[in-house]
Amino acid sequence: MISKITHLFIFFFTLVSMGYSQVPKTPSGGGEYIFNPNKTPCLTTGEKNNIKELLQKNVKTLESQNKLAYSKNTSTVNPLFIWPVKKSSTNSYNDVWSISNYVDHNSAAPNQLTDYNCGSKTYDTNSGYNHQGLDIYTWPFTWKLLDDDAVEIIAASSGQIIAKNDGEFDRSCDFNSNTWNAVYVQHADGSVAWYGHMKNGSTTSKSVGDMVSQGEYLGIIGSSGNSTGPHLHFEVWEDNSYTKLIDPYSGTCNNMNSESWWANQKPYTNPKINALLTHNQIPNIFPACPTTETPNTNNDFVTSDNIIFAVYVRDQTVNDNISLEIIRPDNSSVFSNWNVTVQTTASSWYYYWDLTGYFDMIGEWKWRATFGGETIIHTFNVTNALNVEDNVLKDTSIYPNPSNNLVHIVSKTKIINAEITSITGKSIRVLNASTKAIETVDISNLPKGLYFLNLKGVSNEQKTIKLIKN
């Protein structure tokens, strides 16, 4: 279960119309984000026993039908797992996950915690439950990622599906009696991996008895069952007797298995930039569970717009440094650069920076961040603010806007010329009319994005309207 997310920082640099001020040296606001203070088992003892009985029953059924692929354990070597989570092809973030809990190796409870690395990144409960899996949660905009099918669960190793469940409610926020959506895969050595909390309707179309390959799609990260938010619970057992739990990580305090079950074991902490974004409003990052976040992301601005620069990172610790830069369209000059050294492990902070009117170039700008040994660049476009005279074509408008097909022009003046330009001023399409007024513009073949529609009336009146293709 996800309980308390730490080491996540958000930096906002807001352009507001208050004149220039230097980058603040300390956060203007923010604080620790507690995803959910309750620590509850992903599965109750009764639920876990029911799952074990189902898996054992299914294996016997497959064996009786001569469909069990590994009835005699065709391998004596344990599998080497790849990471069971990846972003979908439609997601543009740099990364989409972080870890909230490892397996608890301290059998005592409560609040007696030992993970494989001898740390306390795990949990137990007053009832005596010790966390038995790896919890991988999504970040940032966790519910939006769920809605967009943006984070996939994939098979950590090849194997045979011995059970699956789907159709369950997937927006849980706390302990409940709900059942999770899950897929269970048995490997060649007889070990079994459990993939739980999947999104409703997302599980693989394959059936019990079918084979899956390493890296194959299994489902989407959701929040079904006993869950405090979207995450994957990944649990591994040595065999179908379910008497010996496996912790895939090798470490000093792993008392379950001596060797790592990962092909490439990730470090205990994984400092990384998950996303580098620009926003036109401060995003609603942490609404009440399970409300979908409102990212307010935008990459197209005019010089009079407010721009919010944000970097979303994971696993930051005290005294870690983030290097930040805004680079002009000429790619050779830095508009501004600064470093942020955080003196706390609270999870969210934001900074205000007043810069309206200081963008001195039109074109594609770069927002660059360096952290955790990597540099990420996010591009955004800035163009001149519209300069429309109130008394020139003041009654002229277009609809719908945004549009993905036809745009209709409404004007008391006869429009004889319409030109679509990019935000950099490049002419894309020109329509001319000599007798009949131009009343529609077809934008169905344009890529999504921001454009300008430049209109000219019969008496050379002119007006430019911002046009969005969705």
Protein backbone atom coordinates (compact mmCIF):
# COMPACT_ATOMS: atom_id res chain seq x y z
CA MET A 1 0.00 0.00 0.00
CA ILE A 2 1.13 3.57 -0.60
CA SER A 3 1.30 5.50 2.63
CA LYS A 4 3.60 8.48 2.80
CA ILE A 5 5.40 9.76 -0.28
CA THR A 6 8.71 11.42 0.48
CA HIS A 7 11.57 12.89 -1.54
CA LEU A 8 9.38 14.51 -4.20
CA PHE A 9 9.95 18.13 -5.03
CA ILE A 10 8.13 20.51 -7.30
CA PHE A 11 9.59 23.86 -8.28
CA PHE A 12 7.33 26.52 -9.79
CA PHE A 13 8.71 29.65 -11.41
CA THR A 14 5.75 31.88 -12.18
CA LEU A 15 5.82 34.85 -14.52
CA VAL A 16 3.42 37.45 -13.18
CA SER A 17 2.89 41.09 -14.10
CA MET A 18 4.69 42.62 -11.16
CA GLY A 19 8.01 43.50 -12.75
CA TYR A 20 11.36 41.76 -12.47
CA SER A 21 12.61 40.14 -9.30
CA GLN A 22 15.49 37.80 -8.66
CA VAL A 23 15.02 34.08 -8.23
CA PRO A 24 14.14 33.43 -4.58
CA LYS A 25 16.72 31.55 -2.55
CA THR A 26 14.15 29.82 -0.38
CA PRO A 27 10.78 28.29 -1.28
CA SER A 28 7.81 30.61 -1.39
CA GLY A 29 5.52 27.84 -0.18
CA GLY A 30 4.79 24.14 -0.29
CA GLY A 31 5.43 21.39 2.18
CA GLU A 32 5.26 17.69 2.77
CA TYR A 33 2.64 15.79 0.83
CA ILE A 34 1.14 12.87 2.74
CA PHE A 35 -0.57 10.64 0.21
CA ASN A 36 -2.41 8.74 2.93
CA PRO A 37 -1.28 8.27 6.53
CA ASN A 38 -3.04 4.91 6.89
CA LYS A 39 -0.90 1.82 6.37
CA THR A 40 -3.08 -1.13 5.56
CA PRO A 41 -2.26 -4.48 3.94
CA CYS A 42 -2.87 -4.72 0.20
CA LEU A 43 -4.57 -8.04 0.97
CA THR A 44 -6.13 -9.25 4.18
CA THR A 45 -5.06 -12.66 5.49
CA GLY A 46 -8.36 -14.11 4.29
CA GLU A 47 -8.00 -12.58 0.81
CA LYS A 48 -4.44 -13.84 0.51
CA ASN A 49 -5.45 -17.35 1.53
CA ASN A 50 -8.28 -17.33 -1.01
CA ILE A 51 -5.85 -16.29 -3.75
CA LYS A 52 -3.40 -19.04 -2.82
CA GLU A 53 -6.18 -21.63 -2.90
CA LEU A 54 -7.33 -20.36 -6.30
CA LEU A 55 -3.83 -20.49 -7.75
CA GLN A 56 -3.23 -24.00 -6.46
CA LYS A 57 -6.61 -25.12 -7.81
CA ASN A 58 -5.91 -23.60 -11.24
CA VAL A 59 -2.51 -25.26 -11.42
CA LYS A 60 -4.06 -28.65 -10.67
CA THR A 61 -6.73 -28.04 -13.33
CA LEU A 62 -4.13 -27.06 -15.94
CA GLU A 63 -2.06 -30.10 -15.01
CA SER A 64 -5.05 -32.43 -15.38
CA GLN A 65 -5.66 -30.96 -18.84
CA ASN A 66 -1.98 -31.34 -19.78
CA LYS A 67 -1.79 -27.57 -20.19
CA LEU A 68 0.54 -26.75 -17.30
CA ALA A 69 3.73 -25.50 -18.89
CA TYR A 70 6.01 -26.08 -15.90
CA SER A 71 4.53 -29.10 -14.15
CA LYS A 72 8.00 -30.45 -13.38
CA ASN A 73 9.75 -27.10 -13.06
CA THR A 74 11.69 -27.06 -16.31
CA SER A 75 14.36 -24.84 -14.76
CA THR A 76 16.18 -24.91 -11.44
CA VAL A 77 17.41 -21.38 -11.95
CA ASN A 78 15.27 -18.50 -10.73
CA PRO A 79 14.17 -15.89 -13.29
CA LEU A 80 15.95 -12.59 -13.64
CA PHE A 81 13.31 -9.86 -13.69
CA ILE A 82 13.15 -6.73 -15.77
CA TRP A 83 11.39 -3.70 -14.28
CA PRO A 84 7.62 -4.47 -14.28
CA VAL A 85 6.50 -0.90 -15.04
CA LYS A 86 6.91 1.27 -18.12
CA LYS A 87 5.29 4.39 -19.54
CA SER A 88 2.99 3.98 -22.51
CA SER A 89 3.99 5.11 -26.00
CA THR A 90 1.63 8.10 -25.69
CA ASN A 91 3.21 9.48 -22.51
CA SER A 92 5.89 12.14 -22.99
CA TYR A 93 7.21 12.36 -19.42
CA ASN A 94 10.80 11.47 -18.72
CA ASP A 95 9.64 8.84 -16.22
CA VAL A 96 6.45 7.93 -14.38
CA TRP A 97 7.20 5.96 -11.21
CA SER A 98 8.78 5.88 -7.77
CA ILE A 99 8.90 3.37 -4.90
CA SER A 100 7.00 3.78 -1.65
CA ASN A 101 7.57 0.41 0.04
CA TYR A 102 9.86 -2.59 -0.10
CA VAL A 103 9.38 -5.99 1.57
CA ASP A 104 9.51 -5.87 5.39
CA HIS A 105 12.11 -8.35 6.72
CA ASN A 106 11.40 -7.68 10.40
CA SER A 107 8.74 -10.18 11.48
CA ALA A 108 7.92 -8.15 14.60
CA ALA A 109 5.21 -5.49 14.59
CA PRO A 110 4.11 -2.77 14.80
CA ASN A 111 6.60 -0.10 13.72
CA GLN A 112 9.53 -2.50 13.62
CA LEU A 113 10.73 -2.14 10.07
CA THR A 114 13.65 -3.52 8.10
CA ASP A 115 13.86 -3.50 4.32
CA TYR A 116 16.45 -5.41 2.30
CA ASN A 117 18.90 -2.50 2.60
CA CYS A 118 18.50 -2.34 6.41
CA GLY A 119 16.41 0.79 6.07
CA SER A 120 12.77 1.40 6.96
CA LYS A 121 11.18 2.03 3.55
CA THR A 122 8.38 -0.43 4.22
CA TYR A 123 5.54 -0.85 6.69
CA ASP A 124 3.73 -3.18 9.07
CA THR A 125 0.44 -2.96 10.92
CA ASN A 126 -0.89 -3.29 14.43
CA SER A 127 -2.46 -6.59 13.42
CA GLY A 128 0.95 -8.07 12.72
CA TYR A 129 1.05 -7.79 8.93
CA ASN A 130 4.52 -7.22 7.46
CA HIS A 131 4.55 -5.83 3.93
CA GLN A 132 5.19 -8.68 1.51
CA GLY A 133 5.79 -6.97 -1.81
CA LEU A 134 7.21 -4.04 -3.74
CA ASP A 135 4.96 -0.98 -4.13
CA ILE A 136 5.62 1.12 -7.24
CA TYR A 137 3.47 4.24 -7.47
CA THR A 138 2.99 6.68 -10.36
CA TRP A 139 4.19 10.29 -10.39
CA PRO A 140 3.39 13.05 -11.29
CA PHE A 141 -0.40 13.46 -11.75
CA THR A 142 -1.09 9.90 -10.63
CA TRP A 143 -4.86 9.84 -11.32
CA LYS A 144 -4.44 11.56 -14.68
CA LEU A 145 -1.92 8.86 -15.59
CA LEU A 146 -4.51 6.23 -14.66
CA ASP A 147 -7.22 7.92 -16.75
CA ASP A 148 -4.88 8.13 -19.74
CA ASP A 149 -3.64 4.49 -19.51
CA ALA A 150 -0.21 6.07 -19.30
CA VAL A 151 1.64 3.59 -17.05
CA GLU A 152 1.73 -0.05 -18.09
CA ILE A 153 2.44 -3.16 -16.04
CA ILE A 154 4.57 -5.64 -17.97
CA ALA A 155 5.72 -9.19 -17.29
CA ALA A 156 8.95 -9.10 -15.31
CA SER A 157 9.74 -12.57 -16.64
CA SER A 158 8.26 -14.98 -19.16
CA GLY A 159 5.78 -17.48 -17.81
CA GLN A 160 2.26 -18.89 -17.79
CA ILE A 161 -0.83 -17.06 -16.55
CA ILE A 162 -2.31 -19.21 -13.77
CA ALA A 163 -5.00 -16.75 -12.67
CA LYS A 164 -6.35 -13.28 -13.40
CA ASN A 165 -9.12 -11.05 -12.09
CA ASP A 166 -10.74 -7.98 -13.61
CA GLY A 167 -13.93 -5.91 -13.42
CA GLU A 168 -13.32 -4.51 -9.94
CA PHE A 169 -13.59 -0.86 -8.82
CA ASP A 170 -10.24 0.83 -9.41
CA ARG A 171 -10.32 4.20 -7.59
CA SER A 172 -9.84 3.11 -3.98
CA CYS A 173 -8.45 5.63 -1.51
CA ASP A 174 -8.29 3.68 1.74
CA PHE A 175 -8.79 0.34 3.47
CA ASN A 176 -11.94 -1.39 2.22
CA SER A 177 -13.43 -4.77 1.37
CA ASN A 178 -12.83 -4.35 -2.37
CA THR A 179 -11.13 -7.02 -4.47
CA TRP A 180 -8.17 -6.10 -6.62
CA ASN A 181 -7.68 -6.64 -10.34
CA ALA A 182 -4.60 -8.77 -10.79
CA VAL A 183 -2.60 -11.16 -12.98
CA TYR A 184 -0.57 -14.08 -11.62
CA VAL A 185 2.30 -15.58 -13.62
CA GLN A 186 4.20 -18.80 -12.90
CA HIS A 187 7.76 -19.06 -14.19
CA ALA A 188 9.84 -21.99 -15.43
CA ASP A 189 11.37 -22.64 -11.99
CA GLY A 190 7.92 -22.80 -10.37
CA SER A 191 8.08 -19.33 -8.78
CA VAL A 192 5.00 -17.14 -9.05
CA ALA A 193 4.73 -13.36 -9.47
CA TRP A 194 1.61 -11.45 -8.38
CA TYR A 195 0.75 -8.17 -10.12
CA GLY A 196 -2.00 -6.35 -8.21
CA HIS A 197 -4.15 -3.17 -8.05
CA MET A 198 -4.67 -2.97 -11.82
CA LYS A 199 -7.08 -0.60 -13.53
CA ASN A 200 -10.56 -1.98 -14.20
CA GLY A 201 -10.82 -3.41 -17.72
CA SER A 202 -7.10 -3.14 -18.40
CA THR A 203 -5.84 -6.67 -17.79
CA THR A 204 -4.33 -8.62 -20.65
CA SER A 205 -6.79 -10.25 -23.05
CA LYS A 206 -4.95 -13.53 -22.60
CA SER A 207 -6.56 -16.27 -20.52
CA VAL A 208 -5.50 -18.63 -17.76
CA GLY A 209 -3.09 -21.13 -19.28
CA ASP A 210 -1.73 -18.73 -21.90
CA MET A 211 1.96 -17.90 -22.03
CA VAL A 212 3.41 -14.40 -21.73
CA SER A 213 6.85 -13.20 -22.71
CA GLN A 214 9.14 -11.05 -20.64
CA GLY A 215 8.16 -7.43 -21.19
CA GLU A 216 4.67 -8.26 -22.46
CA TYR A 217 1.73 -6.06 -21.49
CA LEU A 218 -0.27 -7.28 -18.47
CA GLY A 219 -2.36 -4.24 -17.47
CA ILE A 220 -2.48 -0.60 -16.37
CA ILE A 221 -1.55 0.67 -12.91
CA GLY A 222 -4.74 1.41 -10.96
CA SER A 223 -6.05 1.55 -7.41
CA SER A 224 -8.28 -1.51 -7.10
CA GLY A 225 -8.67 -3.45 -3.86
CA ASN A 226 -7.21 -2.21 -0.57
CA SER A 227 -5.26 0.74 -1.91
CA THR A 228 -4.60 4.37 -1.09
CA GLY A 229 -3.85 5.38 -4.66
CA PRO A 230 -2.63 4.08 -8.04
CA HIS A 231 0.31 1.75 -7.68
CA LEU A 232 1.54 -1.73 -8.55
CA HIS A 233 1.96 -4.28 -5.78
CA PHE A 234 4.56 -6.77 -7.08
CA GLU A 235 4.88 -9.90 -4.94
CA VAL A 236 6.97 -13.02 -5.60
CA TRP A 237 6.73 -16.52 -4.11
CA GLU A 238 9.27 -19.35 -4.47
CA ASP A 239 6.70 -21.94 -5.59
CA ASN A 240 3.00 -22.78 -5.67
CA SER A 241 2.97 -23.85 -2.02
CA TYR A 242 3.27 -20.15 -1.06
CA THR A 243 5.28 -20.87 2.05
CA LYS A 244 8.41 -18.91 1.11
CA LEU A 245 8.27 -15.27 0.09
CA ILE A 246 10.96 -13.89 -2.22
CA ASP A 247 12.37 -10.38 -2.08
CA PRO A 248 13.82 -9.72 -5.55
CA TYR A 249 16.45 -7.39 -4.08
CA SER A 250 19.84 -8.51 -2.86
CA GLY A 251 20.92 -6.77 0.33
CA THR A 252 22.50 -7.12 3.73
CA CYS A 253 19.16 -7.42 5.52
CA ASN A 254 17.41 -9.70 3.02
CA ASN A 255 16.86 -12.85 5.06
CA MET A 256 14.72 -14.57 2.40
CA ASN A 257 17.11 -15.16 -0.50
CA SER A 258 20.80 -14.46 -0.93
CA GLU A 259 20.89 -13.45 -4.58
CA SER A 260 19.12 -10.73 -6.52
CA TRP A 261 16.29 -11.78 -8.82
CA TRP A 262 16.73 -8.65 -10.94
CA ALA A 263 18.61 -8.77 -14.23
CA ASN A 264 19.88 -5.29 -13.31
CA GLN A 265 19.03 -4.39 -9.73
CA LYS A 266 18.13 -0.73 -9.32
CA PRO A 267 19.70 1.24 -6.47
CA TYR A 268 17.89 1.67 -3.18
CA THR A 269 17.01 5.24 -4.09
CA ASN A 270 16.48 6.36 -7.68
CA PRO A 271 16.95 10.15 -7.96
CA LYS A 272 15.51 11.24 -11.28
CA ILE A 273 13.59 13.97 -13.07
CA ASN A 274 10.19 12.43 -13.78
CA ALA A 275 8.86 15.42 -15.72
CA LEU A 276 9.87 18.91 -16.81
CA LEU A 277 6.83 20.97 -17.79
CA THR A 278 5.46 24.43 -18.46
CA HIS A 279 1.99 25.46 -17.25
CA ASN A 280 -0.34 28.38 -17.91
CA GLN A 281 -1.79 28.11 -14.38
CA ILE A 282 -0.55 26.53 -11.17
CA PRO A 283 -1.54 22.87 -11.57
CA ASN A 284 -3.81 21.11 -9.11
CA ILE A 285 -1.30 18.43 -8.18
CA PHE A 286 -2.83 16.91 -5.06
CA PRO A 287 -6.64 17.09 -5.17
CA ALA A 288 -8.72 15.03 -2.78
CA CYS A 289 -8.47 11.32 -3.60
CA PRO A 290 -9.61 10.05 -6.11
CA THR A 291 -10.16 13.28 -8.05
CA THR A 292 -8.17 13.55 -11.27
CA GLU A 293 -5.51 16.26 -11.17
CA THR A 294 -5.68 19.32 -13.41
CA PRO A 295 -2.18 19.68 -14.88
CA ASN A 296 -2.79 22.98 -16.76
CA THR A 297 0.14 22.13 -19.02
CA ASN A 298 0.82 24.39 -21.98
CA ASN A 299 3.71 24.80 -24.42
CA ASP A 300 2.50 27.78 -26.48
CA PHE A 301 2.56 31.30 -25.06
CA VAL A 302 2.55 34.91 -26.11
CA THR A 303 4.76 37.53 -24.49
CA SER A 304 1.94 38.77 -22.25
CA ASP A 305 1.16 35.32 -20.84
CA ASN A 306 2.13 34.06 -17.41
CA ILE A 307 4.33 30.99 -17.59
CA ILE A 308 4.88 28.51 -14.77
CA PHE A 309 8.03 26.43 -15.01
CA ALA A 310 7.96 23.14 -13.08
CA VAL A 311 10.30 20.23 -12.52
CA TYR A 312 8.99 17.04 -10.92
CA VAL A 313 11.64 14.83 -9.35
CA ARG A 314 11.82 11.75 -7.14
CA ASP A 315 14.10 10.50 -4.39
CA GLN A 316 15.71 13.81 -3.57
CA THR A 317 17.59 14.04 -0.29
CA VAL A 318 18.93 16.89 1.80
CA ASN A 319 21.62 18.95 0.02
CA ASP A 320 20.88 17.52 -3.40
CA ASN A 321 21.31 20.11 -6.13
CA ILE A 322 19.07 20.88 -9.10
CA SER A 323 20.52 23.05 -11.86
CA LEU A 324 17.91 25.05 -13.80
CA GLU A 325 18.16 27.10 -17.00
CA ILE A 326 15.96 28.99 -19.42
CA ILE A 327 17.57 29.22 -22.87
CA ARG A 328 16.70 31.63 -25.66
CA PRO A 329 15.62 30.48 -29.15
CA ASP A 330 19.08 31.24 -30.57
CA ASN A 331 20.33 28.22 -28.54
CA SER A 332 23.50 30.10 -27.66
CA SER A 333 22.43 32.45 -24.90
CA VAL A 334 21.08 31.66 -21.47
CA PHE A 335 18.17 33.83 -20.41
CA SER A 336 18.60 32.82 -16.78
CA ASN A 337 20.15 30.01 -14.78
CA TRP A 338 20.31 29.14 -11.10
CA ASN A 339 20.82 26.23 -8.72
CA VAL A 340 18.49 24.98 -6.03
CA THR A 341 19.87 23.18 -3.00
CA VAL A 342 17.05 21.84 -0.86
CA GLN A 343 17.57 21.65 2.88
CA THR A 344 14.59 19.43 3.65
CA THR A 345 13.04 16.18 2.50
CA ALA A 346 9.52 17.61 2.34
CA SER A 347 7.77 16.63 -0.82
CA SER A 348 6.62 19.81 -2.54
CA TRP A 349 7.80 23.39 -2.83
CA TYR A 350 7.10 26.19 -5.21
CA TYR A 351 8.90 29.41 -6.12
CA TYR A 352 7.57 32.63 -7.62
CA TRP A 353 9.62 34.58 -10.12
CA ASP A 354 8.31 37.81 -11.67
CA LEU A 355 9.51 38.24 -15.25
CA THR A 356 6.68 39.54 -17.43
CA GLY A 357 7.96 41.55 -20.38
CA TYR A 358 11.49 40.15 -20.21
CA PHE A 359 11.15 37.55 -22.96
CA ASP A 360 13.32 39.19 -25.59
CA MET A 361 13.08 36.66 -28.42
CA ILE A 362 10.25 35.05 -30.32
CA GLY A 363 10.49 31.34 -31.11
CA GLU A 364 11.23 28.02 -29.40
CA TRP A 365 12.64 28.39 -25.90
CA LYS A 366 14.19 25.67 -23.76
CA TRP A 367 13.52 24.90 -20.10
CA ARG A 368 16.41 22.73 -18.88
CA ALA A 369 17.04 20.91 -15.62
CA THR A 370 19.96 18.80 -14.43
CA PHE A 371 19.51 16.43 -11.51
CA GLY A 372 20.49 12.87 -10.58
CA GLY A 373 23.18 12.72 -13.25
CA GLU A 374 20.86 13.58 -16.15
CA THR A 375 19.83 16.67 -18.07
CA ILE A 376 16.28 17.03 -19.39
CA ILE A 377 15.09 19.69 -21.85
CA HIS A 378 11.51 20.82 -22.34
CA THR A 379 10.70 23.16 -25.24
CA PHE A 380 8.01 25.83 -25.33
CA ASN A 381 7.08 28.54 -27.82
CA VAL A 382 6.77 32.27 -27.29
CA THR A 383 5.31 34.67 -29.83
CA ASN A 384 4.30 38.31 -29.80
CA ALA A 385 1.17 39.26 -27.94
CA LEU A 386 -1.79 40.02 -30.16
CA ASN A 387 -2.23 43.70 -30.91
CA VAL A 388 -5.87 44.09 -32.00
CA GLU A 389 -7.49 47.50 -32.24
CA ASP A 390 -10.84 47.58 -30.50
CA ASN A 391 -12.61 49.36 -33.34
CA VAL A 392 -11.19 47.28 -36.19
CA LEU A 393 -13.26 44.17 -36.92
CA LYS A 394 -14.31 44.30 -33.26
CA ASP A 395 -17.37 42.14 -33.96
CA THR A 396 -15.42 39.50 -35.85
CA SER A 397 -14.98 36.14 -34.11
CA ILE A 398 -14.50 32.46 -34.88
CA TYR A 399 -16.07 29.26 -33.56
CA PRO A 400 -15.46 26.64 -32.38
CA ASN A 401 -12.10 27.46 -30.90
CA PRO A 402 -10.38 25.09 -30.13
CA SER A 403 -11.42 23.06 -33.16
CA ASN A 404 -10.28 19.99 -35.04
CA ASN A 405 -12.24 20.43 -38.25
CA LEU A 406 -14.00 23.50 -39.66
CA VAL A 407 -13.65 26.95 -38.12
CA HIS A 408 -16.52 29.36 -38.84
CA ILE A 409 -15.92 33.10 -39.21
CA VAL A 410 -18.59 35.45 -37.87
CA SER A 411 -18.23 39.06 -39.00
CA LYS A 412 -20.32 42.05 -40.02
CA THR A 413 -17.53 42.85 -42.44
CA LYS A 414 -16.92 40.89 -45.63
CA ILE A 415 -13.74 38.85 -45.03
CA ILE A 416 -11.80 38.48 -48.29
CA ASN A 417 -8.51 37.07 -47.03
CA ALA A 418 -7.70 34.55 -44.32
CA GLU A 419 -4.19 33.35 -43.58
CA ILE A 420 -3.12 30.69 -41.05
CA THR A 421 0.36 31.18 -39.63
CA SER A 422 2.44 29.26 -37.12
CA ILE A 423 3.45 30.82 -33.83
CA THR A 424 6.78 31.72 -35.44
CA GLY A 425 5.00 33.64 -38.22
CA LYS A 426 5.39 31.05 -40.98
CA SER A 427 2.51 31.11 -43.47
CA ILE A 428 0.73 27.75 -43.59
CA ARG A 429 -2.42 28.39 -45.63
CA VAL A 430 -3.92 31.38 -47.45
CA LEU A 431 -7.55 31.76 -48.56
CA ASN A 432 -8.60 34.56 -50.92
CA ALA A 433 -12.06 35.60 -52.09
CA SER A 434 -13.10 38.30 -54.51
CA THR A 435 -16.90 38.15 -54.50
CA LYS A 436 -18.20 35.81 -51.82
CA ALA A 437 -16.97 36.33 -48.24
CA ILE A 438 -14.82 33.68 -46.59
CA GLU A 439 -16.99 32.06 -43.92
CA THR A 440 -15.13 28.83 -43.02
CA VAL A 441 -11.56 27.64 -42.73
CA ASP A 442 -10.68 23.92 -42.82
CA ILE A 443 -7.96 23.02 -40.29
CA SER A 444 -8.53 19.24 -40.26
CA ASN A 445 -5.13 18.54 -41.83
CA LEU A 446 -3.16 20.68 -39.39
CA PRO A 447 -1.22 19.08 -36.53
CA LYS A 448 -2.43 19.82 -33.00
CA GLY A 449 -1.14 23.08 -31.59
CA LEU A 450 -1.40 26.87 -31.49
CA TYR A 451 -1.80 28.95 -34.67
CA PHE A 452 -2.89 32.45 -35.67
CA LEU A 453 -5.71 33.23 -38.05
CA ASN A 454 -5.06 36.58 -39.78
CA LEU A 455 -8.25 38.03 -41.26
CA LYS A 456 -8.57 40.92 -43.74
CA GLY A 457 -11.79 42.75 -44.55
CA VAL A 458 -13.00 44.25 -47.82
CA SER A 459 -11.68 47.67 -46.82
CA ASN A 460 -8.33 46.26 -45.70
CA GLU A 461 -9.41 45.97 -42.06
CA GLN A 462 -7.26 43.41 -40.25
CA LYS A 463 -7.55 41.22 -37.18
CA THR A 464 -5.48 38.35 -35.79
CA ILE A 465 -7.13 35.67 -33.68
CA LYS A 466 -5.38 32.95 -31.70
CA LEU A 467 -6.51 29.56 -33.06
CA ILE A 468 -6.06 26.21 -31.32
CA LYS A 469 -6.21 22.89 -33.18
CA ASN A 470 -7.14 20.05 -30.82
